[in-house]
Structures are given as structure tokens and as C-alpha cells.
């Protein structure tokens, strides 16, 4: 499913984004999940084939994957750290596929 997702090159991927949004078991409105997923893949190049091969070589995920999209905001002193993580859940563990930090952080 990931390999068909638009990487921001202008091609239409509404069907794939909608399918991905529906895969989330969220209590929030589906449109909000759809927009979040669309923004995530629009602003970031995601090496989908590499990540999928890597994860599936480690564990047998079966046919149905449980994806987790988690955003958290941490504070390091006075510096806010905004983190977005896409992961796949397996055996009560979340295996990160992609991590994005906000670009305002300077260490």
C-alpha cells in the first residue's frame, strides 16, 4: 500500500491517502486523520520500499498492518522539540519506520 502513495510530485493519490486514513483506528474525525496523513507524506520523502522490506524481514506482520502516527511535543530547556513518528505495531511494540523533528531545533 505504501509504494502507491504520492510523494508530492503532483500526481493524484487521494484513494491511497483515504485508504491509509481508514486504516487508523481513531476516535477522531476521519477527515482530520486524512489531512494529517496527507501532510505527513507531502512534506517528507519516505523511502517506502526500503522501510517495508526492512520491517518485514525482521518480523512476520501478516497481511494486516497496524500503523501508528504519533506526534509529541517535548521541551528541552526553553527549546520546544516537535516530533512526528510513523511506526508499525507488532506484538505490543511499536517499530518506528520514520521520524521527523521540527526544523527549528539547533543543537
PDB file of N, CA and C in Angstrom:
ATOM      1  N   UNK A   1       0.821  -1.193   0.000  1.00  0.00           N
ATOM      2  CA  UNK A   1       0.000   0.000   0.000  1.00  0.00           C
ATOM      3  C   UNK A   1       0.864   1.254   0.000  1.00  0.00           C
ATOM      4  N   UNK A   2       1.980   1.265   0.744  1.00  0.00           N
ATOM      5  CA  UNK A   2       2.801   2.463   0.816  1.00  0.00           C
ATOM      6  C   UNK A   2       3.419   2.853  -0.513  1.00  0.00           C
ATOM      7  N   UNK A   3       3.803   1.894  -1.322  1.00  0.00           N
ATOM      8  CA  UNK A   3       4.524   2.217  -2.544  1.00  0.00           C
ATOM      9  C   UNK A   3       3.686   3.027  -3.518  1.00  0.00           C
ATOM     10  N   UNK A   4       2.367   3.053  -3.349  1.00  0.00           N
ATOM     11  CA  UNK A   4       1.497   3.801  -4.258  1.00  0.00           C
ATOM     12  C   UNK A   4       1.213   5.212  -3.764  1.00  0.00           C
ATOM     13  N   UNK A   5       1.741   5.596  -2.620  1.00  0.00           N
ATOM     14  CA  UNK A   5       1.424   6.904  -2.045  1.00  0.00           C
ATOM     15  C   UNK A   5       2.198   8.001  -2.745  1.00  0.00           C
ATOM     16  N   UNK A   6       1.527   9.107  -2.979  1.00  0.00           N
ATOM     17  CA  UNK A   6       2.101  10.268  -3.651  1.00  0.00           C
ATOM     18  C   UNK A   6       3.227  10.866  -2.818  1.00  0.00           C
ATOM     19  N   UNK A   7       4.297  11.223  -3.470  1.00  0.00           N
ATOM     20  CA  UNK A   7       5.420  11.861  -2.774  1.00  0.00           C
ATOM     21  C   UNK A   7       5.489  13.341  -3.084  1.00  0.00           C
ATOM     22  N   UNK A   8       4.385  13.934  -3.475  1.00  0.00           N
ATOM     23  CA  UNK A   8       4.351  15.368  -3.715  1.00  0.00           C
ATOM     24  C   UNK A   8       4.720  15.762  -5.120  1.00  0.00           C
ATOM     25  N   UNK A   9       4.703  14.842  -6.060  1.00  0.00           N
ATOM     26  CA  UNK A   9       5.094  15.168  -7.427  1.00  0.00           C
ATOM     27  C   UNK A   9       3.921  15.642  -8.276  1.00  0.00           C
ATOM     28  N   UNK A  10       2.760  15.848  -7.655  1.00  0.00           N
ATOM     29  CA  UNK A  10       1.607  16.368  -8.373  1.00  0.00           C
ATOM     30  C   UNK A  10       0.627  15.314  -8.828  1.00  0.00           C
ATOM     31  N   UNK A  11       0.993  14.040  -8.747  1.00  0.00           N
ATOM     32  CA  UNK A  11       0.052  13.002  -9.161  1.00  0.00           C
ATOM     33  C   UNK A  11      -1.014  12.807  -8.090  1.00  0.00           C
ATOM     34  N   UNK A  12      -2.166  12.335  -8.513  1.00  0.00           N
ATOM     35  CA  UNK A  12      -3.288  12.160  -7.595  1.00  0.00           C
ATOM     36  C   UNK A  12      -3.120  10.883  -6.796  1.00  0.00           C
ATOM     37  N   UNK A  13      -3.283  10.980  -5.486  1.00  0.00           N
ATOM     38  CA  UNK A  13      -3.183   9.807  -4.626  1.00  0.00           C
ATOM     39  C   UNK A  13      -4.279   9.826  -3.575  1.00  0.00           C
ATOM     40  N   UNK A  14      -5.403  10.501  -3.881  1.00  0.00           N
ATOM     41  CA  UNK A  14      -6.474  10.617  -2.900  1.00  0.00           C
ATOM     42  C   UNK A  14      -6.969   9.256  -2.427  1.00  0.00           C
ATOM     43  N   UNK A  15      -7.063   8.300  -3.326  1.00  0.00           N
ATOM     44  CA  UNK A  15      -7.521   6.964  -2.945  1.00  0.00           C
ATOM     45  C   UNK A  15      -6.589   6.301  -1.956  1.00  0.00           C
ATOM     46  N   UNK A  16      -5.285   6.416  -2.192  1.00  0.00           N
ATOM     47  CA  UNK A  16      -4.315   5.813  -1.291  1.00  0.00           C
ATOM     48  C   UNK A  16      -4.317   6.510   0.060  1.00  0.00           C
ATOM     49  N   UNK A  17      -4.402   7.858   0.064  1.00  0.00           N
ATOM     50  CA  UNK A  17      -4.441   8.592   1.328  1.00  0.00           C
ATOM     51  C   UNK A  17      -5.689   8.224   2.118  1.00  0.00           C
ATOM     52  N   UNK A  18      -6.819   8.107   1.424  1.00  0.00           N
ATOM     53  CA  UNK A  18      -8.064   7.755   2.096  1.00  0.00           C
ATOM     54  C   UNK A  18      -7.982   6.349   2.686  1.00  0.00           C
ATOM     55  N   UNK A  19      -7.408   5.408   1.933  1.00  0.00           N
ATOM     56  CA  UNK A  19      -7.251   4.041   2.435  1.00  0.00           C
ATOM     57  C   UNK A  19      -6.345   4.018   3.655  1.00  0.00           C
ATOM     58  N   UNK A  20      -5.290   4.801   3.631  1.00  0.00           N
ATOM     59  CA  UNK A  20      -4.383   4.858   4.766  1.00  0.00           C
ATOM     60  C   UNK A  20      -5.061   5.492   5.969  1.00  0.00           C
ATOM     61  N   UNK A  21      -5.823   6.553   5.748  1.00  0.00           N
ATOM     62  CA  UNK A  21      -6.541   7.211   6.847  1.00  0.00           C
ATOM     63  C   UNK A  21      -7.549   6.259   7.475  1.00  0.00           C
ATOM     64  N   UNK A  22      -8.211   5.445   6.668  1.00  0.00           N
ATOM     65  CA  UNK A  22      -9.195   4.494   7.186  1.00  0.00           C
ATOM     66  C   UNK A  22      -8.533   3.363   7.964  1.00  0.00           C
ATOM     67  N   UNK A  23      -7.237   3.129   7.726  1.00  0.00           N
ATOM     68  CA  UNK A  23      -6.522   2.076   8.442  1.00  0.00           C
ATOM     69  C   UNK A  23      -6.286   2.430   9.900  1.00  0.00           C
ATOM     70  N   UNK A  24      -6.346   3.709  10.238  1.00  0.00           N
ATOM     71  CA  UNK A  24      -6.147   4.139  11.612  1.00  0.00           C
ATOM     72  C   UNK A  24      -7.427   3.911  12.405  1.00  0.00           C
ATOM     73  N   UNK A  25      -7.339   3.242  13.536  1.00  0.00           N
ATOM     74  CA  UNK A  25      -8.482   3.094  14.430  1.00  0.00           C
ATOM     75  C   UNK A  25      -8.512   4.311  15.339  1.00  0.00           C
ATOM     76  N   UNK A  26      -9.065   5.379  14.848  1.00  0.00           N
ATOM     77  CA  UNK A  26      -9.061   6.641  15.583  1.00  0.00           C
ATOM     78  C   UNK A  26     -10.480   7.007  15.990  1.00  0.00           C
ATOM     79  N   UNK A  27     -10.588   7.637  17.135  1.00  0.00           N
ATOM     80  CA  UNK A  27     -11.881   8.121  17.593  1.00  0.00           C
ATOM     81  C   UNK A  27     -12.136   9.535  17.097  1.00  0.00           C
ATOM     82  N   UNK A  28     -11.174  10.094  16.393  1.00  0.00           N
ATOM     83  CA  UNK A  28     -11.325  11.441  15.855  1.00  0.00           C
ATOM     84  C   UNK A  28     -11.963  11.360  14.481  1.00  0.00           C
ATOM     85  N   UNK A  29     -12.304  12.498  13.934  1.00  0.00           N
ATOM     86  CA  UNK A  29     -12.934  12.535  12.624  1.00  0.00           C
ATOM     87  C   UNK A  29     -11.970  12.017  11.555  1.00  0.00           C
ATOM     88  N   UNK A  30     -12.491  11.229  10.644  1.00  0.00           N
ATOM     89  CA  UNK A  30     -11.670  10.642   9.583  1.00  0.00           C
ATOM     90  C   UNK A  30     -11.009  11.712   8.721  1.00  0.00           C
ATOM     91  N   UNK A  31     -11.689  12.828   8.494  1.00  0.00           N
ATOM     92  CA  UNK A  31     -11.122  13.899   7.666  1.00  0.00           C
ATOM     93  C   UNK A  31      -9.862  14.470   8.304  1.00  0.00           C
ATOM     94  N   UNK A  32      -9.842  14.607   9.630  1.00  0.00           N
ATOM     95  CA  UNK A  32      -8.646  15.104  10.315  1.00  0.00           C
ATOM     96  C   UNK A  32      -7.486  14.122  10.161  1.00  0.00           C
ATOM     97  N   UNK A  33      -7.774  12.837  10.281  1.00  0.00           N
ATOM     98  CA  UNK A  33      -6.735  11.819  10.099  1.00  0.00           C
ATOM     99  C   UNK A  33      -6.229  11.850   8.663  1.00  0.00           C
ATOM    100  N   UNK A  34      -7.146  11.966   7.711  1.00  0.00           N
ATOM    101  CA  UNK A  34      -6.783  12.031   6.294  1.00  0.00           C
ATOM    102  C   UNK A  34      -5.846  13.205   6.030  1.00  0.00           C
ATOM    103  N   UNK A  35      -6.184  14.382   6.545  1.00  0.00           N
ATOM    104  CA  UNK A  35      -5.355  15.568   6.333  1.00  0.00           C
ATOM    105  C   UNK A  35      -3.978  15.407   6.974  1.00  0.00           C
ATOM    106  N   UNK A  36      -3.931  14.817   8.160  1.00  0.00           N
ATOM    107  CA  UNK A  36      -2.648  14.605   8.835  1.00  0.00           C
ATOM    108  C   UNK A  36      -1.760  13.659   8.028  1.00  0.00           C
ATOM    109  N   UNK A  37      -2.343  12.567   7.546  1.00  0.00           N
ATOM    110  CA  UNK A  37      -1.584  11.607   6.730  1.00  0.00           C
ATOM    111  C   UNK A  37      -1.099  12.267   5.451  1.00  0.00           C
ATOM    112  N   UNK A  38      -1.967  13.039   4.808  1.00  0.00           N
ATOM    113  CA  UNK A  38      -1.609  13.711   3.559  1.00  0.00           C
ATOM    114  C   UNK A  38      -0.464  14.705   3.777  1.00  0.00           C
ATOM    115  N   UNK A  39      -0.525  15.504   4.844  1.00  0.00           N
ATOM    116  CA  UNK A  39       0.557  16.456   5.147  1.00  0.00           C
ATOM    117  C   UNK A  39       1.860  15.721   5.439  1.00  0.00           C
ATOM    118  N   UNK A  40       1.768  14.622   6.185  1.00  0.00           N
ATOM    119  CA  UNK A  40       2.957  13.860   6.540  1.00  0.00           C
ATOM    120  C   UNK A  40       3.708  13.408   5.296  1.00  0.00           C
ATOM    121  N   UNK A  41       2.995  12.845   4.321  1.00  0.00           N
ATOM    122  CA  UNK A  41       3.659  12.335   3.131  1.00  0.00           C
ATOM    123  C   UNK A  41       3.967  13.421   2.112  1.00  0.00           C
ATOM    124  N   UNK A  42       3.297  14.552   2.174  1.00  0.00           N
ATOM    125  CA  UNK A  42       3.559  15.641   1.237  1.00  0.00           C
ATOM    126  C   UNK A  42       4.871  16.359   1.562  1.00  0.00           C
ATOM    127  N   UNK A  43       5.158  16.528   2.842  1.00  0.00           N
ATOM    128  CA  UNK A  43       6.316  17.321   3.252  1.00  0.00           C
ATOM    129  C   UNK A  43       7.563  16.491   3.519  1.00  0.00           C
ATOM    130  N   UNK A  44       7.484  15.209   3.310  1.00  0.00           N
ATOM    131  CA  UNK A  44       8.641  14.391   3.638  1.00  0.00           C
ATOM    132  C   UNK A  44       8.779  13.247   2.639  1.00  0.00           C
ATOM    133  N   UNK A  45       9.974  13.057   2.132  1.00  0.00           N
ATOM    134  CA  UNK A  45      10.246  11.931   1.243  1.00  0.00           C
ATOM    135  C   UNK A  45      10.396  10.694   2.120  1.00  0.00           C
ATOM    136  N   UNK A  46       9.626   9.694   1.823  1.00  0.00           N
ATOM    137  CA  UNK A  46       9.597   8.486   2.635  1.00  0.00           C
ATOM    138  C   UNK A  46      10.063   7.318   1.780  1.00  0.00           C
ATOM    139  N   UNK A  47      11.166   6.719   2.148  1.00  0.00           N
ATOM    140  CA  UNK A  47      11.708   5.578   1.408  1.00  0.00           C
ATOM    141  C   UNK A  47      10.861   4.347   1.720  1.00  0.00           C
ATOM    142  N   UNK A  48       9.682   4.288   1.106  1.00  0.00           N
ATOM    143  CA  UNK A  48       8.688   3.273   1.459  1.00  0.00           C
ATOM    144  C   UNK A  48       9.155   1.857   1.188  1.00  0.00           C
ATOM    145  N   UNK A  49       9.740   1.627   0.054  1.00  0.00           N
ATOM    146  CA  UNK A  49      10.148   0.264  -0.283  1.00  0.00           C
ATOM    147  C   UNK A  49      11.221  -0.235   0.676  1.00  0.00           C
ATOM    148  N   UNK A  50      12.187   0.614   0.977  1.00  0.00           N
ATOM    149  CA  UNK A  50      13.263   0.236   1.882  1.00  0.00           C
ATOM    150  C   UNK A  50      12.723  -0.050   3.278  1.00  0.00           C
ATOM    151  N   UNK A  51      11.862   0.818   3.795  1.00  0.00           N
ATOM    152  CA  UNK A  51      11.308   0.626   5.138  1.00  0.00           C
ATOM    153  C   UNK A  51      10.467  -0.639   5.207  1.00  0.00           C
ATOM    154  N   UNK A  52       9.639  -0.866   4.204  1.00  0.00           N
ATOM    155  CA  UNK A  52       8.777  -2.055   4.206  1.00  0.00           C
ATOM    156  C   UNK A  52       9.606  -3.334   4.156  1.00  0.00           C
ATOM    157  N   UNK A  53      10.618  -3.358   3.318  1.00  0.00           N
ATOM    158  CA  UNK A  53      11.477  -4.545   3.226  1.00  0.00           C
ATOM    159  C   UNK A  53      12.208  -4.767   4.539  1.00  0.00           C
ATOM    160  N   UNK A  54      12.716  -3.704   5.130  1.00  0.00           N
ATOM    161  CA  UNK A  54      13.453  -3.810   6.385  1.00  0.00           C
ATOM    162  C   UNK A  54      12.569  -4.381   7.494  1.00  0.00           C
ATOM    163  N   UNK A  55      11.380  -3.823   7.664  1.00  0.00           N
ATOM    164  CA  UNK A  55      10.498  -4.268   8.741  1.00  0.00           C
ATOM    165  C   UNK A  55      10.004  -5.688   8.507  1.00  0.00           C
ATOM    166  N   UNK A  56       9.593  -6.001   7.290  1.00  0.00           N
ATOM    167  CA  UNK A  56       9.071  -7.346   7.030  1.00  0.00           C
ATOM    168  C   UNK A  56      10.154  -8.414   7.086  1.00  0.00           C
ATOM    169  N   UNK A  57      11.410  -8.034   6.927  1.00  0.00           N
ATOM    170  CA  UNK A  57      12.479  -9.024   7.064  1.00  0.00           C
ATOM    171  C   UNK A  57      12.740  -9.354   8.535  1.00  0.00           C
ATOM    172  N   UNK A  58      12.366  -8.449   9.438  1.00  0.00           N
ATOM    173  CA  UNK A  58      12.575  -8.687  10.873  1.00  0.00           C
ATOM    174  C   UNK A  58      11.474  -9.535  11.486  1.00  0.00           C
ATOM    175  N   UNK A  59      10.232  -9.233  11.138  1.00  0.00           N
ATOM    176  CA  UNK A  59       9.098  -9.903  11.777  1.00  0.00           C
ATOM    177  C   UNK A  59       8.038 -10.255  10.738  1.00  0.00           C
ATOM    178  N   UNK A  60       7.223 -11.233  11.065  1.00  0.00           N
ATOM    179  CA  UNK A  60       6.100 -11.602  10.208  1.00  0.00           C
ATOM    180  C   UNK A  60       4.887 -10.785  10.643  1.00  0.00           C
ATOM    181  N   UNK A  61       4.577  -9.739   9.883  1.00  0.00           N
ATOM    182  CA  UNK A  61       3.476  -8.849  10.239  1.00  0.00           C
ATOM    183  C   UNK A  61       2.130  -9.352   9.750  1.00  0.00           C
ATOM    184  N   UNK A  62       2.126 -10.362   8.919  1.00  0.00           N
ATOM    185  CA  UNK A  62       0.868 -10.850   8.373  1.00  0.00           C
ATOM    186  C   UNK A  62       0.369  -9.933   7.272  1.00  0.00           C
ATOM    187  N   UNK A  63      -0.906 -10.070   6.935  1.00  0.00           N
ATOM    188  CA  UNK A  63      -1.477  -9.276   5.848  1.00  0.00           C
ATOM    189  C   UNK A  63      -1.964  -7.913   6.302  1.00  0.00           C
ATOM    190  N   UNK A  64      -2.366  -7.785   7.550  1.00  0.00           N
ATOM    191  CA  UNK A  64      -2.910  -6.521   8.041  1.00  0.00           C
ATOM    192  C   UNK A  64      -1.905  -5.868   8.984  1.00  0.00           C
ATOM    193  N   UNK A  65      -1.484  -4.667   8.629  1.00  0.00           N
ATOM    194  CA  UNK A  65      -0.536  -3.919   9.448  1.00  0.00           C
ATOM    195  C   UNK A  65      -1.293  -2.902  10.282  1.00  0.00           C
ATOM    196  N   UNK A  66      -0.832  -2.668  11.491  1.00  0.00           N
ATOM    197  CA  UNK A  66      -1.385  -1.607  12.327  1.00  0.00           C
ATOM    198  C   UNK A  66      -0.359  -0.482  12.339  1.00  0.00           C
ATOM    199  N   UNK A  67      -0.720   0.645  11.706  1.00  0.00           N
ATOM    200  CA  UNK A  67       0.175   1.793  11.636  1.00  0.00           C
ATOM    201  C   UNK A  67      -0.134   2.769  12.758  1.00  0.00           C
ATOM    202  N   UNK A  68       0.906   3.392  13.279  1.00  0.00           N
ATOM    203  CA  UNK A  68       0.756   4.383  14.339  1.00  0.00           C
ATOM    204  C   UNK A  68       1.411   5.676  13.869  1.00  0.00           C
ATOM    205  N   UNK A  69       0.672   6.761  13.918  1.00  0.00           N
ATOM    206  CA  UNK A  69       1.212   8.081  13.604  1.00  0.00           C
ATOM    207  C   UNK A  69       1.117   8.885  14.883  1.00  0.00           C
ATOM    208  N   UNK A  70       2.266   9.185  15.481  1.00  0.00           N
ATOM    209  CA  UNK A  70       2.300   9.815  16.792  1.00  0.00           C
ATOM    210  C   UNK A  70       3.040  11.138  16.714  1.00  0.00           C
ATOM    211  N   UNK A  71       2.438  12.166  17.255  1.00  0.00           N
ATOM    212  CA  UNK A  71       3.079  13.471  17.352  1.00  0.00           C
ATOM    213  C   UNK A  71       3.202  13.816  18.825  1.00  0.00           C
ATOM    214  N   UNK A  72       4.370  14.285  19.202  1.00  0.00           N
ATOM    215  CA  UNK A  72       4.581  14.683  20.581  1.00  0.00           C
ATOM    216  C   UNK A  72       5.410  15.959  20.613  1.00  0.00           C
ATOM    217  N   UNK A  73       5.241  16.734  21.648  1.00  0.00           N
ATOM    218  CA  UNK A  73       5.988  17.979  21.819  1.00  0.00           C
ATOM    219  C   UNK A  73       6.732  17.899  23.139  1.00  0.00           C
ATOM    220  N   UNK A  74       8.048  17.923  23.072  1.00  0.00           N
ATOM    221  CA  UNK A  74       8.881  17.895  24.260  1.00  0.00           C
ATOM    222  C   UNK A  74       9.492  19.265  24.460  1.00  0.00           C
ATOM    223  N   UNK A  75      10.003  19.498  25.654  1.00  0.00           N
ATOM    224  CA  UNK A  75      10.662  20.758  25.980  1.00  0.00           C
ATOM    225  C   UNK A  75      12.067  20.434  26.479  1.00  0.00           C
ATOM    226  N   UNK A  76      13.091  20.987  25.835  1.00  0.00           N
ATOM    227  CA  UNK A  76      14.474  20.843  26.269  1.00  0.00           C
ATOM    228  C   UNK A  76      14.938  22.228  26.682  1.00  0.00           C
ATOM    229  N   UNK A  77      14.888  22.505  27.977  1.00  0.00           N
ATOM    230  CA  UNK A  77      15.123  23.871  28.444  1.00  0.00           C
ATOM    231  C   UNK A  77      13.994  24.749  27.954  1.00  0.00           C
ATOM    232  N   UNK A  78      14.349  25.764  27.163  1.00  0.00           N
ATOM    233  CA  UNK A  78      13.339  26.639  26.569  1.00  0.00           C
ATOM    234  C   UNK A  78      13.083  26.300  25.100  1.00  0.00           C
ATOM    235  N   UNK A  79      13.681  25.219  24.617  1.00  0.00           N
ATOM    236  CA  UNK A  79      13.548  24.843  23.213  1.00  0.00           C
ATOM    237  C   UNK A  79      12.462  23.785  23.039  1.00  0.00           C
ATOM    238  N   UNK A  80      11.396  24.096  22.286  1.00  0.00           N
ATOM    239  CA  UNK A  80      10.381  23.073  22.019  1.00  0.00           C
ATOM    240  C   UNK A  80      10.874  22.095  20.949  1.00  0.00           C
ATOM    241  N   UNK A  81      10.632  20.823  21.157  1.00  0.00           N
ATOM    242  CA  UNK A  81      11.017  19.789  20.201  1.00  0.00           C
ATOM    243  C   UNK A  81       9.743  19.087  19.745  1.00  0.00           C
ATOM    244  N   UNK A  82       9.395  19.273  18.491  1.00  0.00           N
ATOM    245  CA  UNK A  82       8.194  18.696  17.907  1.00  0.00           C
ATOM    246  C   UNK A  82       8.595  17.440  17.131  1.00  0.00           C
ATOM    247  N   UNK A  83       8.056  16.282  17.513  1.00  0.00           N
ATOM    248  CA  UNK A  83       8.451  15.012  16.917  1.00  0.00           C
ATOM    249  C   UNK A  83       7.225  14.330  16.306  1.00  0.00           C
ATOM    250  N   UNK A  84       7.365  13.847  15.071  1.00  0.00           N
ATOM    251  CA  UNK A  84       6.323  13.069  14.404  1.00  0.00           C
ATOM    252  C   UNK A  84       6.932  11.726  14.014  1.00  0.00           C
ATOM    253  N   UNK A  85       6.302  10.636  14.440  1.00  0.00           N
ATOM    254  CA  UNK A  85       6.833   9.298  14.200  1.00  0.00           C
ATOM    255  C   UNK A  85       5.768   8.435  13.525  1.00  0.00           C
ATOM    256  N   UNK A  86       6.152   7.792  12.430  1.00  0.00           N
ATOM    257  CA  UNK A  86       5.309   6.784  11.798  1.00  0.00           C
ATOM    258  C   UNK A  86       5.905   5.431  12.155  1.00  0.00           C
ATOM    259  N   UNK A  87       5.081   4.550  12.731  1.00  0.00           N
ATOM    260  CA  UNK A  87       5.583   3.241  13.139  1.00  0.00           C
ATOM    261  C   UNK A  87       4.540   2.173  12.826  1.00  0.00           C
ATOM    262  N   UNK A  88       4.975   0.937  12.918  1.00  0.00           N
ATOM    263  CA  UNK A  88       4.077  -0.202  12.730  1.00  0.00           C
ATOM    264  C   UNK A  88       4.056  -0.974  14.048  1.00  0.00           C
ATOM    265  N   UNK A  89       2.855  -1.349  14.493  1.00  0.00           N
ATOM    266  CA  UNK A  89       2.706  -2.066  15.759  1.00  0.00           C
ATOM    267  C   UNK A  89       2.838  -3.565  15.516  1.00  0.00           C
ATOM    268  N   UNK A  90       3.591  -4.213  16.394  1.00  0.00           N
ATOM    269  CA  UNK A  90       3.780  -5.654  16.306  1.00  0.00           C
ATOM    270  C   UNK A  90       4.022  -6.200  17.711  1.00  0.00           C
ATOM    271  N   UNK A  91       3.225  -7.155  18.137  1.00  0.00           N
ATOM    272  CA  UNK A  91       3.394  -7.829  19.431  1.00  0.00           C
ATOM    273  C   UNK A  91       3.553  -6.827  20.572  1.00  0.00           C
ATOM    274  N   UNK A  92       2.658  -5.863  20.626  1.00  0.00           N
ATOM    275  CA  UNK A  92       2.624  -4.840  21.670  1.00  0.00           C
ATOM    276  C   UNK A  92       3.846  -3.926  21.665  1.00  0.00           C
ATOM    277  N   UNK A  93       4.558  -3.866  20.548  1.00  0.00           N
ATOM    278  CA  UNK A  93       5.709  -2.975  20.394  1.00  0.00           C
ATOM    279  C   UNK A  93       5.508  -2.157  19.129  1.00  0.00           C
ATOM    280  N   UNK A  94       5.878  -0.895  19.179  1.00  0.00           N
ATOM    281  CA  UNK A  94       5.784  -0.028  18.009  1.00  0.00           C
ATOM    282  C   UNK A  94       7.177   0.126  17.398  1.00  0.00           C
ATOM    283  N   UNK A  95       7.322  -0.316  16.151  1.00  0.00           N
ATOM    284  CA  UNK A  95       8.611  -0.261  15.456  1.00  0.00           C
ATOM    285  C   UNK A  95       8.620   0.971  14.554  1.00  0.00           C
ATOM    286  N   UNK A  96       9.467   1.969  14.862  1.00  0.00           N
ATOM    287  CA  UNK A  96       9.481   3.197  14.055  1.00  0.00           C
ATOM    288  C   UNK A  96       9.933   2.936  12.624  1.00  0.00           C
ATOM    289  N   UNK A  97       9.197   3.534  11.689  1.00  0.00           N
ATOM    290  CA  UNK A  97       9.582   3.490  10.283  1.00  0.00           C
ATOM    291  C   UNK A  97      10.208   4.808   9.860  1.00  0.00           C
ATOM    292  N   UNK A  98       9.708   5.892  10.410  1.00  0.00           N
ATOM    293  CA  UNK A  98      10.174   7.218  10.015  1.00  0.00           C
ATOM    294  C   UNK A  98      10.009   8.173  11.184  1.00  0.00           C
ATOM    295  N   UNK A  99      10.969   9.084  11.339  1.00  0.00           N
ATOM    296  CA  UNK A  99      10.952  10.076  12.408  1.00  0.00           C
ATOM    297  C   UNK A  99      11.223  11.441  11.806  1.00  0.00           C
ATOM    298  N   UNK A 100      10.434  12.423  12.190  1.00  0.00           N
ATOM    299  CA  UNK A 100      10.647  13.790  11.715  1.00  0.00           C
ATOM    300  C   UNK A 100      10.733  14.708  12.923  1.00  0.00           C
ATOM    301  N   UNK A 101      11.794  15.487  12.991  1.00  0.00           N
ATOM    302  CA  UNK A 101      11.929  16.527  14.006  1.00  0.00           C
ATOM    303  C   UNK A 101      11.645  17.864  13.359  1.00  0.00           C
ATOM    304  N   UNK A 102      11.104  18.797  14.151  1.00  0.00           N
ATOM    305  CA  UNK A 102      10.878  20.121  13.567  1.00  0.00           C
ATOM    306  C   UNK A 102      12.215  20.756  13.214  1.00  0.00           C
ATOM    307  N   UNK A 103      12.225  21.617  12.219  1.00  0.00           N
ATOM    308  CA  UNK A 103      13.468  22.175  11.689  1.00  0.00           C
ATOM    309  C   UNK A 103      13.987  23.361  12.489  1.00  0.00           C
ATOM    310  N   UNK A 104      13.300  23.719  13.565  1.00  0.00           N
ATOM    311  CA  UNK A 104      13.720  24.868  14.354  1.00  0.00           C
ATOM    312  C   UNK A 104      14.761  24.488  15.402  1.00  0.00           C
ATOM    313  N   UNK A 105      15.030  23.205  15.575  1.00  0.00           N
ATOM    314  CA  UNK A 105      15.974  22.761  16.593  1.00  0.00           C
ATOM    315  C   UNK A 105      17.402  22.973  16.111  1.00  0.00           C
ATOM    316  N   UNK A 106      18.219  23.558  16.956  1.00  0.00           N
ATOM    317  CA  UNK A 106      19.642  23.719  16.657  1.00  0.00           C
ATOM    318  C   UNK A 106      20.427  23.293  17.884  1.00  0.00           C
ATOM    319  N   UNK A 107      21.165  22.188  17.764  1.00  0.00           N
ATOM    320  CA  UNK A 107      21.961  21.699  18.889  1.00  0.00           C
ATOM    321  C   UNK A 107      23.378  22.157  18.749  1.00  0.00           C
TER     322      UNK A 107
END
